[in-house]
Amino acid sequence: MLTDLTIRNLAVVEQAEIAFESGLTTLTGETGAGKSIIIQALLLVLGERASSETVRNGEKRGDVAAIFDLRDSPEALAWLQEQELDDELECQLRRTITADGRSKSYINGQPSPAGRVRELGRLLMDIHGQHEYQQLLKGDAQRALLDSFGGLNASAGKLADCYQAWRELDQRYTELSNDQQDQSDLVELLNFQCQELQTLALEPGEWSDLQQQHQRARNGSRLLENCQQLTRLFDDDDTSIQSLMAAARQLIDPLREIDPECATIAQMIEEADIQITEASRSLRHYADRLEIDPQQLAWLEERISAANALARKHQCEPAQLPEQQQKLTERLEAIEQSDDRLAALQQEIETVRQTYDQLAAELSSQRQQAADELSTQVTATLRQLGMNEATLVIQLEPRPNDAPHPQGMEKISYLFSANPGMQPGQLGRIASGGELSRISLALQVCAQGQSSVPTLVFDEVDVGVGGAVAEIVGQLLNQLGQQRQVFCITHLPQVAAQGHQQSRISKSVNNHQTATQVEALSGEERVTEIARMLAGIELTDESLAHARQMLAHHL
């Protein structure tokens, strides 16, 4: 849930730091006080589009930061862990906007693209307000809500997995079938390529040996000459290394009889003499094996050149040629056995398709049952909300072809009719902004406990209602608040009084600058605000008493 929201230099807000609690929080204030700034700030921090007009006049940059407690958001926590952006059980989102319209988004301090922030934001908060922000208008959201209401997420996931298995098999079948259609030319090409590689017959690990052998053969004369010079240094005359070591032993032997400390030095000289004798022996053996063979050098250079040429042709490293030969051989064998493989793949596809059709049919039946039930419940709730003639119809329409689809064999549409005799139409075309807010509220109430989004925001869901209907709106919001964290911007005291807590948004003018403040209300402050909503600017004893009565009734 949202625990803290910090706003700096955003529109008319210079600075606001707001702490939130669970349950229903109602946000109130006079018309024009800037209540919409809270919604705007939340949308910005959740990754929605920003503009230079967002920044407070005269400031270089605006900043919004939100902190979420993830203990009630397992899906968001899992998403953060998958993206390696998790920070225990807390998440901080931050958005900065400069006066020239540029913006940056951060998740737990890490710069993140706005698209990634929006993906996370959909797991943290659902905002119901104006048309362009209504998740309810999106087909995926409509389907997800229906599946959630009907407890069909597991079935839908199983169907999606089955579709993926079918799709992979179908793609493999198509590729193999295409190969078979071009079999004549392809087999000829593969045979030629395999023959070239078989002629070279480069063994695994041979390329490294070839390079070493070529290096040795190309420098044979220099190796032999240096070996001869080293041999002379070791033991050719009286000034050889071995002669000098013999003289050193003769000189050190008497010294260790005089001073025991020289014994260690004498031991090191003996060990060095042994090492030099062994090095001399190894050098002679190495020199005896050296051969200067122009034919061997020519053969090595020809083989290396052939390997490089084939590697360029196959667009790989020379050392990878044995692996490339194996792949081409396997592909050639697969094509030659393609008839059998195609038949086996076709059988697999048919088996998986049968499973898919069965799962899809079961899911369609379950969705239709859930759609009927949800439509009935929402329509009844809309009547409670003062939309006496409104009807919501959830329509399942078969897809245009019978090819498998990851989301099932039907498209789901939410249709709405506001008046009798009116043909139900798409929500986005028929419903007004106020109607959409109340439809959203009705849907959320009917599906409460099913959605995984922990925080709901309703922007003036009570537009156009009053009296008993307003009381019912407040009751429904309060009911939602017992399940999840809910925010509601409202002008109605009947709704505001039913919040578990209330914040007031107000504005002031100082030095020709307008500023908006947000403050949590308690005790008499809340009584005064409810009374203002009841009576206007002039507070009376009656309005204050009525406000206390309303709060006492709901708290």
Protein backbone atom coordinates (compact mmCIF):
# COMPACT_ATOMS: atom_id res chain seq x y z
CA MET A 1 0.00 0.00 0.00
CA LEU A 2 1.00 3.65 -0.39
CA THR A 3 2.54 4.96 2.83
CA ASP A 4 4.12 8.30 1.86
CA LEU A 5 3.79 10.81 -0.97
CA THR A 6 6.13 13.77 -1.39
CA ILE A 7 5.42 16.52 -3.92
CA ARG A 8 7.76 19.44 -4.69
CA ASN A 9 7.18 22.24 -7.16
CA LEU A 10 4.33 20.50 -8.97
CA ALA A 11 1.66 22.80 -10.44
CA VAL A 12 0.44 24.88 -7.48
CA VAL A 13 2.10 22.70 -4.82
CA GLU A 14 5.38 24.10 -3.52
CA GLN A 15 6.00 21.25 -1.10
CA ALA A 16 3.75 18.60 0.44
CA GLU A 17 4.65 15.52 2.45
CA ILE A 18 1.70 13.22 3.08
CA ALA A 19 1.60 10.03 5.13
CA PHE A 20 -1.18 7.55 4.37
CA GLU A 21 -2.74 4.67 6.26
CA SER A 22 -4.75 1.62 5.29
CA GLY A 23 -8.50 1.74 4.81
CA LEU A 24 -10.53 4.49 3.14
CA THR A 25 -8.97 7.95 2.99
CA THR A 26 -11.25 10.72 1.77
CA LEU A 27 -9.68 13.84 0.24
CA THR A 28 -11.77 16.98 0.48
CA GLY A 29 -11.49 20.70 -0.12
CA GLU A 30 -13.14 23.63 -1.78
CA THR A 31 -13.58 23.71 -5.55
CA GLY A 32 -10.35 24.87 -7.16
CA ALA A 33 -8.22 24.02 -4.13
CA GLY A 34 -6.12 21.62 -6.19
CA LYS A 35 -7.48 18.19 -5.27
CA SER A 36 -6.66 16.95 -8.78
CA ILE A 37 -2.97 17.61 -8.07
CA ILE A 38 -2.89 14.47 -5.90
CA ILE A 39 -4.16 12.38 -8.82
CA GLN A 40 -1.73 14.09 -11.17
CA ALA A 41 1.19 13.42 -8.82
CA LEU A 42 0.26 9.74 -8.52
CA LEU A 43 -0.08 9.37 -12.28
CA LEU A 44 3.32 10.98 -12.82
CA VAL A 45 5.10 8.81 -10.29
CA LEU A 46 3.46 5.74 -11.87
CA GLY A 47 4.99 6.59 -15.24
CA GLU A 48 2.31 8.55 -17.11
CA ARG A 49 3.29 11.28 -19.59
CA ALA A 50 4.62 14.58 -18.22
CA SER A 51 4.90 18.07 -19.70
CA SER A 52 6.66 21.32 -18.87
CA GLU A 53 3.33 22.76 -17.67
CA THR A 54 3.49 20.28 -14.80
CA VAL A 55 6.32 22.19 -13.10
CA ARG A 56 5.41 25.01 -10.70
CA ASN A 57 5.76 28.44 -12.27
CA GLY A 58 9.26 29.90 -11.83
CA GLU A 59 10.88 26.60 -10.72
CA LYS A 60 13.50 24.61 -12.65
CA ARG A 61 12.27 21.16 -11.67
CA GLY A 62 9.33 19.35 -10.12
CA ASP A 63 9.67 16.18 -8.10
CA VAL A 64 7.27 13.45 -6.92
CA ALA A 65 8.23 10.49 -4.73
CA ALA A 66 6.02 7.69 -3.42
CA ILE A 67 6.86 4.95 -0.94
CA PHE A 68 4.93 1.66 -0.97
CA ASP A 69 4.80 -1.05 1.68
CA LEU A 70 4.92 -4.34 -0.28
CA ARG A 71 3.70 -6.71 2.43
CA ASP A 72 0.29 -6.76 0.74
CA SER A 73 1.75 -6.69 -2.80
CA PRO A 74 3.30 -10.13 -3.52
CA GLU A 75 3.07 -9.69 -7.30
CA ALA A 76 4.85 -6.32 -7.20
CA LEU A 77 7.52 -7.76 -4.88
CA ALA A 78 8.05 -10.72 -7.23
CA TRP A 79 8.31 -8.30 -10.20
CA LEU A 80 10.96 -6.24 -8.41
CA GLN A 81 12.94 -9.35 -7.49
CA GLU A 82 12.81 -10.58 -11.09
CA GLN A 83 14.10 -7.18 -12.29
CA GLU A 84 16.75 -7.14 -9.50
CA LEU A 85 15.28 -3.86 -8.21
CA ASP A 86 13.93 -5.11 -4.87
CA ASP A 87 14.79 -3.43 -1.56
CA GLU A 88 13.34 -5.72 1.10
CA LEU A 89 9.60 -5.03 1.66
CA GLU A 90 9.56 -1.41 0.52
CA CYS A 91 9.52 0.27 -2.87
CA GLN A 92 10.22 3.90 -3.68
CA LEU A 93 9.13 5.41 -7.00
CA ARG A 94 10.42 8.85 -7.96
CA ARG A 95 9.77 11.11 -10.94
CA THR A 96 11.53 14.38 -11.78
CA ILE A 97 10.30 16.81 -14.46
CA THR A 98 12.31 19.80 -15.68
CA ALA A 99 10.82 23.10 -16.81
CA ASP A 100 11.61 22.19 -20.44
CA GLY A 101 9.49 19.00 -20.22
CA ARG A 102 12.22 16.38 -19.76
CA SER A 103 11.66 13.79 -17.08
CA LYS A 104 13.39 10.88 -15.34
CA SER A 105 11.93 7.95 -13.44
CA TYR A 106 13.52 5.90 -10.66
CA ILE A 107 12.66 2.61 -8.98
CA ASN A 108 14.38 2.20 -5.61
CA GLY A 109 16.97 4.75 -6.68
CA GLN A 110 17.73 3.07 -10.02
CA PRO A 111 16.94 5.00 -13.25
CA SER A 112 14.15 3.16 -15.10
CA PRO A 113 12.26 3.74 -18.37
CA ALA A 114 8.72 5.05 -17.98
CA GLY A 115 7.34 1.87 -19.58
CA ARG A 116 8.92 -0.27 -16.88
CA VAL A 117 7.56 2.05 -14.18
CA ARG A 118 4.05 1.78 -15.68
CA GLU A 119 4.37 -2.01 -15.67
CA LEU A 120 5.17 -1.96 -11.97
CA GLY A 121 2.58 0.75 -11.28
CA ARG A 122 -0.24 -1.48 -12.55
CA LEU A 123 0.66 -3.94 -9.78
CA LEU A 124 0.63 -1.26 -7.08
CA MET A 125 -2.29 1.07 -7.78
CA ASP A 126 -5.44 1.34 -9.89
CA ILE A 127 -6.67 4.89 -10.56
CA HIS A 128 -10.30 5.40 -11.60
CA GLY A 129 -11.08 8.80 -12.95
CA GLN A 130 -10.90 10.45 -16.36
CA HIS A 131 -11.30 8.50 -19.61
CA GLU A 132 -7.64 8.38 -20.58
CA TYR A 133 -6.66 6.84 -17.25
CA GLN A 134 -9.42 4.25 -17.05
CA GLN A 135 -8.01 0.74 -16.96
CA LEU A 136 -11.62 -0.35 -17.30
CA LEU A 137 -11.65 0.74 -20.95
CA LYS A 138 -8.80 -1.61 -21.87
CA GLY A 139 -9.62 -5.08 -23.14
CA ASP A 140 -6.85 -6.78 -21.18
CA ALA A 141 -8.05 -5.16 -17.95
CA GLN A 142 -11.66 -6.22 -18.65
CA ARG A 143 -10.61 -9.82 -19.26
CA ALA A 144 -8.33 -9.83 -16.19
CA LEU A 145 -11.13 -8.48 -13.97
CA LEU A 146 -13.57 -11.12 -15.19
CA ASP A 147 -11.05 -13.94 -14.71
CA SER A 148 -10.21 -12.60 -11.26
CA PHE A 149 -13.89 -12.37 -10.29
CA GLY A 150 -14.55 -15.94 -11.47
CA GLY A 151 -11.39 -17.35 -9.88
CA LEU A 152 -10.18 -18.35 -13.34
CA ASN A 153 -6.58 -17.10 -13.26
CA ALA A 154 -5.16 -20.61 -12.85
CA SER A 155 -7.27 -21.95 -15.73
CA ALA A 156 -6.30 -18.99 -17.93
CA GLY A 157 -2.63 -19.53 -17.09
CA LYS A 158 -2.86 -23.22 -17.93
CA LEU A 159 -4.47 -22.36 -21.26
CA ALA A 160 -1.72 -19.82 -22.04
CA ASP A 161 0.95 -22.47 -21.33
CA CYS A 162 -0.83 -24.95 -23.60
CA TYR A 163 -1.02 -22.31 -26.34
CA GLN A 164 2.73 -21.67 -26.04
CA ALA A 165 3.47 -25.39 -26.41
CA TRP A 166 1.20 -25.57 -29.49
CA ARG A 167 2.80 -22.49 -31.01
CA GLU A 168 6.36 -23.81 -30.60
CA LEU A 169 5.40 -27.13 -32.21
CA ASP A 170 3.60 -25.34 -35.04
CA GLN A 171 6.63 -23.14 -35.72
CA ARG A 172 8.94 -26.17 -35.82
CA TYR A 173 6.53 -27.90 -38.21
CA THR A 174 6.43 -24.83 -40.47
CA GLU A 175 10.23 -24.53 -40.53
CA LEU A 176 10.70 -28.23 -41.33
CA SER A 177 7.96 -28.12 -43.95
CA ASN A 178 9.59 -25.11 -45.60
CA ASP A 179 12.92 -26.92 -45.57
CA GLN A 180 11.29 -29.89 -47.19
CA GLN A 181 9.75 -27.76 -49.95
CA ASP A 182 13.20 -26.44 -50.82
CA GLN A 183 14.71 -29.84 -50.12
CA SER A 184 16.42 -30.40 -53.46
CA ASP A 185 18.46 -27.20 -53.47
CA LEU A 186 19.01 -27.27 -49.73
CA VAL A 187 20.19 -30.89 -49.66
CA GLU A 188 22.61 -30.16 -52.49
CA LEU A 189 23.98 -27.14 -50.61
CA LEU A 190 24.26 -29.01 -47.31
CA ASN A 191 25.99 -31.96 -49.01
CA PHE A 192 28.51 -29.59 -50.61
CA GLN A 193 29.17 -27.79 -47.31
CA CYS A 194 29.54 -31.04 -45.40
CA GLN A 195 31.90 -32.41 -48.07
CA GLU A 196 34.12 -29.33 -47.79
CA LEU A 197 34.28 -29.67 -44.03
CA GLN A 198 34.87 -33.43 -44.22
CA THR A 199 37.70 -32.86 -46.69
CA LEU A 200 39.38 -30.48 -44.29
CA ALA A 201 38.55 -32.87 -41.41
CA LEU A 202 39.54 -30.43 -38.71
CA GLU A 203 39.39 -32.23 -35.36
CA PRO A 204 38.13 -30.60 -32.14
CA GLY A 205 41.09 -28.83 -30.51
CA GLU A 206 43.27 -29.19 -33.63
CA TRP A 207 43.15 -25.50 -34.55
CA SER A 208 45.15 -24.52 -31.46
CA ASP A 209 47.72 -27.27 -32.18
CA LEU A 210 48.03 -26.13 -35.79
CA GLN A 211 48.83 -22.60 -34.73
CA GLN A 212 51.48 -23.80 -32.27
CA GLN A 213 53.06 -26.12 -34.84
CA HIS A 214 53.07 -23.36 -37.46
CA GLN A 215 54.72 -20.94 -35.05
CA ARG A 216 57.42 -23.53 -34.30
CA ALA A 217 57.99 -24.50 -37.96
CA ARG A 218 58.14 -20.88 -39.16
CA ASN A 219 60.82 -20.06 -36.53
CA GLY A 220 62.76 -23.36 -36.74
CA SER A 221 66.09 -21.80 -37.74
CA ARG A 222 65.97 -19.24 -34.96
CA LEU A 223 65.05 -21.89 -32.39
CA LEU A 224 67.93 -24.14 -33.46
CA GLU A 225 70.48 -21.29 -33.50
CA ASN A 226 69.50 -20.10 -30.02
CA CYS A 227 69.62 -23.67 -28.68
CA GLN A 228 73.20 -24.04 -29.96
CA GLN A 229 74.24 -20.76 -28.34
CA LEU A 230 72.66 -21.81 -25.06
CA THR A 231 74.43 -25.20 -25.21
CA ARG A 232 77.80 -23.44 -25.56
CA LEU A 233 76.96 -21.21 -22.59
CA PHE A 234 76.24 -24.23 -20.46
CA ASP A 235 79.29 -26.41 -21.02
CA ASP A 236 81.49 -25.46 -24.02
CA ASP A 237 84.65 -24.07 -22.31
CA ASP A 238 86.21 -23.11 -19.01
CA THR A 239 83.94 -20.07 -18.69
CA SER A 240 80.71 -22.05 -19.17
CA ILE A 241 77.95 -21.85 -16.61
CA GLN A 242 78.69 -25.37 -15.35
CA SER A 243 82.43 -24.56 -14.97
CA LEU A 244 81.59 -21.43 -13.03
CA MET A 245 79.22 -23.40 -10.80
CA ALA A 246 81.99 -25.95 -10.11
CA ALA A 247 84.32 -23.10 -9.07
CA ALA A 248 81.61 -21.71 -6.83
CA ARG A 249 81.24 -25.07 -5.05
CA GLN A 250 85.00 -25.24 -4.45
CA LEU A 251 85.00 -21.78 -2.92
CA ILE A 252 81.96 -22.25 -0.70
CA ASP A 253 82.90 -25.67 0.74
CA PRO A 254 85.76 -24.38 3.03
CA LEU A 255 83.61 -21.45 4.15
CA ARG A 256 80.85 -23.58 5.70
CA GLU A 257 83.50 -25.27 7.88
CA ILE A 258 84.53 -21.84 9.16
CA ASP A 259 81.03 -20.32 9.53
CA PRO A 260 77.90 -22.55 9.77
CA GLU A 261 75.80 -19.74 8.25
CA CYS A 262 77.48 -20.43 4.90
CA ALA A 263 75.95 -23.93 4.86
CA THR A 264 72.65 -22.52 3.66
CA ILE A 265 74.38 -20.64 0.84
CA ALA A 266 76.31 -23.77 -0.10
CA GLN A 267 73.01 -25.73 -0.28
CA MET A 268 71.48 -23.12 -2.60
CA ILE A 269 74.55 -23.29 -4.88
CA GLU A 270 74.27 -27.10 -5.03
CA GLU A 271 70.55 -26.88 -5.87
CA ALA A 272 71.25 -24.27 -8.56
CA ASP A 273 73.95 -26.50 -10.03
CA ILE A 274 71.49 -29.41 -10.19
CA GLN A 275 68.89 -27.21 -11.91
CA ILE A 276 71.47 -25.94 -14.44
CA THR A 277 72.60 -29.50 -15.22
CA GLU A 278 68.96 -30.56 -15.74
CA ALA A 279 68.28 -27.48 -17.93
CA SER A 280 71.31 -28.28 -20.06
CA ARG A 281 70.17 -31.89 -20.54
CA SER A 282 66.60 -30.80 -21.46
CA LEU A 283 67.95 -28.21 -23.90
CA ARG A 284 70.01 -30.84 -25.75
CA HIS A 285 67.00 -33.16 -25.98
CA TYR A 286 64.83 -30.29 -27.32
CA ALA A 287 67.49 -29.32 -29.91
CA ASP A 288 67.80 -32.93 -31.08
CA ARG A 289 64.05 -32.98 -31.86
CA LEU A 290 64.07 -29.74 -33.83
CA GLU A 291 63.69 -30.16 -37.58
CA ILE A 292 63.68 -27.58 -40.33
CA ASP A 293 61.24 -29.06 -42.82
CA PRO A 294 59.99 -26.65 -45.54
CA GLN A 295 57.42 -29.22 -46.67
CA GLN A 296 55.91 -29.43 -43.17
CA LEU A 297 55.74 -25.61 -42.99
CA ALA A 298 54.04 -25.45 -46.38
CA TRP A 299 51.52 -28.12 -45.34
CA LEU A 300 50.70 -26.27 -42.11
CA GLU A 301 50.22 -22.96 -43.92
CA GLU A 302 47.98 -24.57 -46.50
CA ARG A 303 45.84 -26.22 -43.83
CA ILE A 304 45.55 -23.03 -41.80
CA SER A 305 44.62 -21.06 -44.93
CA ALA A 306 41.96 -23.62 -45.85
CA ALA A 307 40.52 -23.49 -42.32
CA ASN A 308 40.37 -19.67 -42.37
CA ALA A 309 38.65 -19.69 -45.77
CA LEU A 310 35.98 -22.14 -44.60
CA ALA A 311 35.48 -20.20 -41.35
CA ARG A 312 34.79 -17.01 -43.32
CA LYS A 313 32.33 -18.89 -45.55
CA HIS A 314 30.46 -20.25 -42.52
CA GLN A 315 30.80 -17.00 -40.54
CA CYS A 316 32.41 -18.62 -37.54
CA GLU A 317 35.83 -18.97 -35.92
CA PRO A 318 38.19 -21.68 -37.33
CA ALA A 319 38.06 -23.48 -33.98
CA GLN A 320 34.26 -23.78 -34.39
CA LEU A 321 34.44 -25.63 -37.73
CA PRO A 322 34.10 -29.15 -36.18
CA GLU A 323 30.97 -27.97 -34.34
CA GLN A 324 29.62 -26.40 -37.54
CA GLN A 325 30.21 -29.65 -39.41
CA GLN A 326 28.24 -31.53 -36.74
CA LYS A 327 25.32 -29.07 -36.98
CA LEU A 328 25.16 -29.26 -40.78
CA THR A 329 25.34 -33.04 -40.70
CA GLU A 330 22.49 -33.20 -38.18
CA ARG A 331 20.39 -30.78 -40.25
CA LEU A 332 21.00 -32.81 -43.39
CA GLU A 333 20.00 -35.99 -41.58
CA ALA A 334 16.88 -34.24 -40.21
CA ILE A 335 15.81 -33.16 -43.70
CA GLU A 336 16.46 -36.60 -45.11
CA GLN A 337 14.23 -37.95 -42.33
CA SER A 338 11.76 -35.04 -42.60
CA ASP A 339 8.81 -37.14 -43.70
CA ASP A 340 8.95 -39.17 -40.52
CA ARG A 341 9.63 -36.10 -38.39
CA LEU A 342 6.80 -34.12 -40.01
CA ALA A 343 4.36 -36.94 -39.33
CA ALA A 344 5.49 -37.15 -35.70
CA LEU A 345 5.24 -33.35 -35.28
CA GLN A 346 1.78 -33.34 -36.83
CA GLN A 347 0.65 -35.94 -34.32
CA GLU A 348 2.11 -33.90 -31.45
CA ILE A 349 0.38 -30.76 -32.74
CA GLU A 350 -2.97 -32.51 -32.97
CA THR A 351 -2.62 -33.89 -29.44
CA VAL A 352 -1.72 -30.49 -27.97
CA ARG A 353 -4.48 -28.81 -30.01
CA GLN A 354 -7.03 -31.23 -28.62
CA THR A 355 -5.87 -30.39 -25.11
CA TYR A 356 -6.03 -26.68 -25.94
CA ASP A 357 -9.55 -26.97 -27.37
CA GLN A 358 -10.73 -28.79 -24.27
CA LEU A 359 -9.16 -26.23 -21.91
CA ALA A 360 -10.47 -23.33 -24.02
CA ALA A 361 -14.01 -24.74 -24.05
CA GLU A 362 -13.96 -25.21 -20.27
CA LEU A 363 -12.61 -21.68 -19.76
CA SER A 364 -15.22 -20.20 -22.13
CA SER A 365 -18.02 -21.90 -20.18
CA GLN A 366 -16.59 -20.69 -16.87
CA ARG A 367 -16.14 -17.18 -18.23
CA GLN A 368 -19.72 -17.06 -19.50
CA GLN A 369 -21.00 -18.09 -16.08
CA ALA A 370 -18.79 -15.52 -14.36
CA ALA A 371 -19.81 -12.84 -16.91
CA ASP A 372 -23.51 -13.43 -16.26
CA GLU A 373 -23.01 -13.31 -12.51
CA LEU A 374 -20.77 -10.21 -12.56
CA SER A 375 -23.11 -8.39 -14.98
CA THR A 376 -26.06 -9.05 -12.68
CA GLN A 377 -24.22 -7.94 -9.55
CA VAL A 378 -22.78 -4.79 -11.13
CA THR A 379 -26.12 -3.79 -12.64
CA ALA A 380 -27.77 -4.18 -9.24
CA THR A 381 -25.03 -2.11 -7.60
CA LEU A 382 -25.40 0.60 -10.26
CA ARG A 383 -29.08 0.85 -9.36
CA GLN A 384 -28.03 1.43 -5.75
CA LEU A 385 -25.71 4.18 -6.99
CA GLY A 386 -28.55 6.11 -8.56
CA MET A 387 -28.18 4.77 -12.11
CA ASN A 388 -31.66 3.29 -12.03
CA GLU A 389 -31.91 2.41 -15.72
CA ALA A 390 -28.29 1.44 -16.27
CA THR A 391 -27.29 -2.02 -17.43
CA LEU A 392 -23.85 -3.59 -17.75
CA VAL A 393 -23.47 -6.51 -20.14
CA ILE A 394 -20.28 -8.55 -20.34
CA GLN A 395 -20.15 -10.01 -23.82
CA LEU A 396 -18.07 -12.99 -24.92
CA GLU A 397 -17.62 -12.89 -28.68
CA PRO A 398 -15.89 -15.73 -30.58
CA ARG A 399 -12.68 -14.71 -32.28
CA PRO A 400 -12.86 -14.34 -36.07
CA ASN A 401 -10.98 -17.58 -36.76
CA ASP A 402 -10.56 -20.79 -34.84
CA ALA A 403 -6.78 -20.53 -34.48
CA PRO A 404 -5.62 -20.89 -30.87
CA HIS A 405 -5.08 -17.64 -28.95
CA PRO A 406 -3.14 -17.29 -25.69
CA GLN A 407 -6.10 -15.64 -23.94
CA GLY A 408 -8.77 -18.04 -25.11
CA MET A 409 -11.18 -18.41 -27.99
CA GLU A 410 -13.30 -15.34 -27.21
CA LYS A 411 -12.88 -11.59 -26.96
CA ILE A 412 -14.40 -10.00 -23.86
CA SER A 413 -16.18 -6.66 -24.03
CA TYR A 414 -17.94 -4.64 -21.35
CA LEU A 415 -21.05 -3.04 -22.85
CA PHE A 416 -23.13 -0.36 -21.17
CA SER A 417 -26.60 1.08 -21.58
CA ALA A 418 -27.68 4.10 -19.55
CA ASN A 419 -31.34 4.17 -20.56
CA PRO A 420 -34.11 1.70 -21.45
CA GLY A 421 -34.34 0.86 -25.12
CA MET A 422 -30.74 1.90 -25.72
CA GLN A 423 -28.61 -0.78 -27.34
CA PRO A 424 -25.62 -1.54 -25.06
CA GLY A 425 -22.39 -0.18 -26.52
CA GLN A 426 -18.69 -0.01 -25.70
CA LEU A 427 -18.03 1.67 -22.36
CA GLY A 428 -15.64 4.24 -23.80
CA ARG A 429 -18.25 5.44 -26.29
CA ILE A 430 -21.38 5.37 -24.15
CA ALA A 431 -20.47 6.13 -20.54
CA SER A 432 -19.59 9.62 -19.31
CA GLY A 433 -16.69 10.27 -16.97
CA GLY A 434 -18.94 10.24 -13.89
CA GLU A 435 -20.71 7.09 -15.06
CA LEU A 436 -17.36 5.39 -15.66
CA SER A 437 -16.25 6.19 -12.13
CA ARG A 438 -19.40 4.66 -10.66
CA ILE A 439 -19.16 1.62 -12.93
CA SER A 440 -15.58 1.19 -11.76
CA LEU A 441 -16.69 1.45 -8.15
CA ALA A 442 -19.46 -1.10 -8.71
CA LEU A 443 -17.05 -3.50 -10.42
CA GLN A 444 -14.47 -3.16 -7.67
CA VAL A 445 -17.06 -3.70 -4.96
CA CYS A 446 -18.47 -6.78 -6.68
CA ALA A 447 -15.00 -8.20 -7.29
CA GLN A 448 -13.50 -7.15 -3.96
CA GLY A 449 -10.98 -9.56 -2.55
CA GLN A 450 -10.22 -10.95 -6.01
CA SER A 451 -7.99 -8.24 -7.46
CA SER A 452 -4.33 -8.28 -6.43
CA VAL A 453 -3.88 -4.50 -6.76
CA PRO A 454 -3.62 -3.25 -3.16
CA THR A 455 -4.52 0.43 -3.67
CA LEU A 456 -7.54 1.96 -5.44
CA VAL A 457 -8.01 5.65 -6.20
CA PHE A 458 -11.41 7.11 -7.15
CA ASP A 459 -11.52 10.65 -8.54
CA GLU A 460 -14.92 12.22 -7.77
CA VAL A 461 -16.81 8.95 -8.07
CA ASP A 462 -19.83 10.74 -6.57
CA VAL A 463 -20.28 13.33 -9.34
CA GLY A 464 -23.98 13.94 -10.02
CA VAL A 465 -25.34 12.11 -6.98
CA GLY A 466 -26.60 13.21 -3.60
CA GLY A 467 -28.78 12.27 -0.66
CA ALA A 468 -29.33 8.56 -0.12
CA VAL A 469 -27.24 7.61 -3.17
CA ALA A 470 -24.26 9.53 -1.79
CA GLU A 471 -24.66 7.62 1.46
CA ILE A 472 -24.55 4.33 -0.46
CA VAL A 473 -21.45 5.47 -2.39
CA GLY A 474 -19.75 6.13 0.93
CA GLN A 475 -20.84 2.75 2.30
CA LEU A 476 -19.45 0.93 -0.73
CA LEU A 477 -16.17 2.82 -0.53
CA ASN A 478 -15.94 2.07 3.18
CA GLN A 479 -16.62 -1.59 2.42
CA LEU A 480 -13.80 -1.58 -0.13
CA GLY A 481 -11.54 0.13 2.39
CA GLN A 482 -11.92 -2.83 4.74
CA GLN A 483 -10.36 -5.02 2.04
CA ARG A 484 -7.78 -2.70 0.49
CA GLN A 485 -6.35 0.80 0.70
CA VAL A 486 -8.78 3.24 -0.97
CA PHE A 487 -8.51 6.97 -1.74
CA CYS A 488 -11.50 9.01 -2.83
CA ILE A 489 -11.62 12.66 -3.84
CA THR A 490 -15.12 13.81 -2.96
CA HIS A 491 -17.33 16.89 -2.61
CA LEU A 492 -20.00 15.09 -0.61
CA PRO A 493 -20.06 15.07 3.22
CA GLN A 494 -21.98 11.76 3.16
CA VAL A 495 -18.94 10.14 1.48
CA ALA A 496 -16.23 12.06 3.34
CA ALA A 497 -17.68 11.14 6.74
CA GLN A 498 -17.36 7.43 6.00
CA GLY A 499 -13.62 7.53 5.48
CA HIS A 500 -11.43 5.83 8.04
CA GLN A 501 -9.34 9.00 7.81
CA GLN A 502 -9.68 12.32 6.01
CA SER A 503 -7.28 14.87 4.51
CA ARG A 504 -8.10 18.44 3.50
CA ILE A 505 -6.64 20.12 0.44
CA SER A 506 -6.59 23.90 0.57
CA LYS A 507 -4.92 26.77 -1.25
CA SER A 508 -3.50 30.12 -0.24
CA VAL A 509 -2.11 33.15 -2.08
CA ASN A 510 1.13 34.77 -0.94
CA ASN A 511 3.10 37.37 -2.94
CA HIS A 512 0.88 36.73 -5.94
CA GLN A 513 1.78 33.01 -5.82
CA THR A 514 -0.89 30.34 -5.30
CA ALA A 515 0.08 27.38 -3.13
CA THR A 516 -1.80 24.18 -2.26
CA GLN A 517 -1.47 22.42 1.09
CA VAL A 518 -2.52 18.94 2.17
CA GLU A 519 -3.15 18.20 5.84
CA ALA A 520 -4.53 15.19 7.69
CA LEU A 521 -7.55 16.02 9.81
CA SER A 522 -8.45 14.75 13.25
CA GLY A 523 -10.96 15.53 15.96
CA GLU A 524 -12.59 18.95 15.63
CA GLU A 525 -10.69 19.68 12.41
CA ARG A 526 -12.59 16.92 10.70
CA VAL A 527 -15.88 18.05 12.23
CA THR A 528 -15.26 21.56 10.88
CA GLU A 529 -14.46 20.26 7.39
CA ILE A 530 -17.59 18.08 7.23
CA ALA A 531 -19.64 21.04 8.48
CA ARG A 532 -18.14 23.25 5.74
CA MET A 533 -19.14 20.64 3.16
CA LEU A 534 -22.67 20.67 4.59
CA ALA A 535 -23.23 24.41 5.03
CA GLY A 536 -20.60 26.21 3.00
CA ILE A 537 -18.35 28.98 4.33
CA GLU A 538 -20.74 30.08 7.10
CA LEU A 539 -20.56 27.43 9.81
CA THR A 540 -23.57 27.13 12.11
CA ASP A 541 -24.21 25.24 15.31
CA GLU A 542 -26.62 23.07 13.36
CA SER A 543 -24.06 22.15 10.68
CA LEU A 544 -21.41 21.39 13.29
CA ALA A 545 -23.84 19.23 15.25
CA HIS A 546 -24.87 17.44 12.05
CA ALA A 547 -21.19 16.84 11.18
CA ARG A 548 -20.51 15.35 14.62
CA GLN A 549 -23.57 13.14 14.26
CA MET A 550 -22.43 11.89 10.83
CA LEU A 551 -18.93 11.12 12.05
CA ALA A 552 -20.19 9.45 15.21
CA HIS A 553 -22.50 7.28 13.12
CA HIS A 554 -19.78 6.07 10.77
CA LEU A 555 -16.72 5.85 13.02
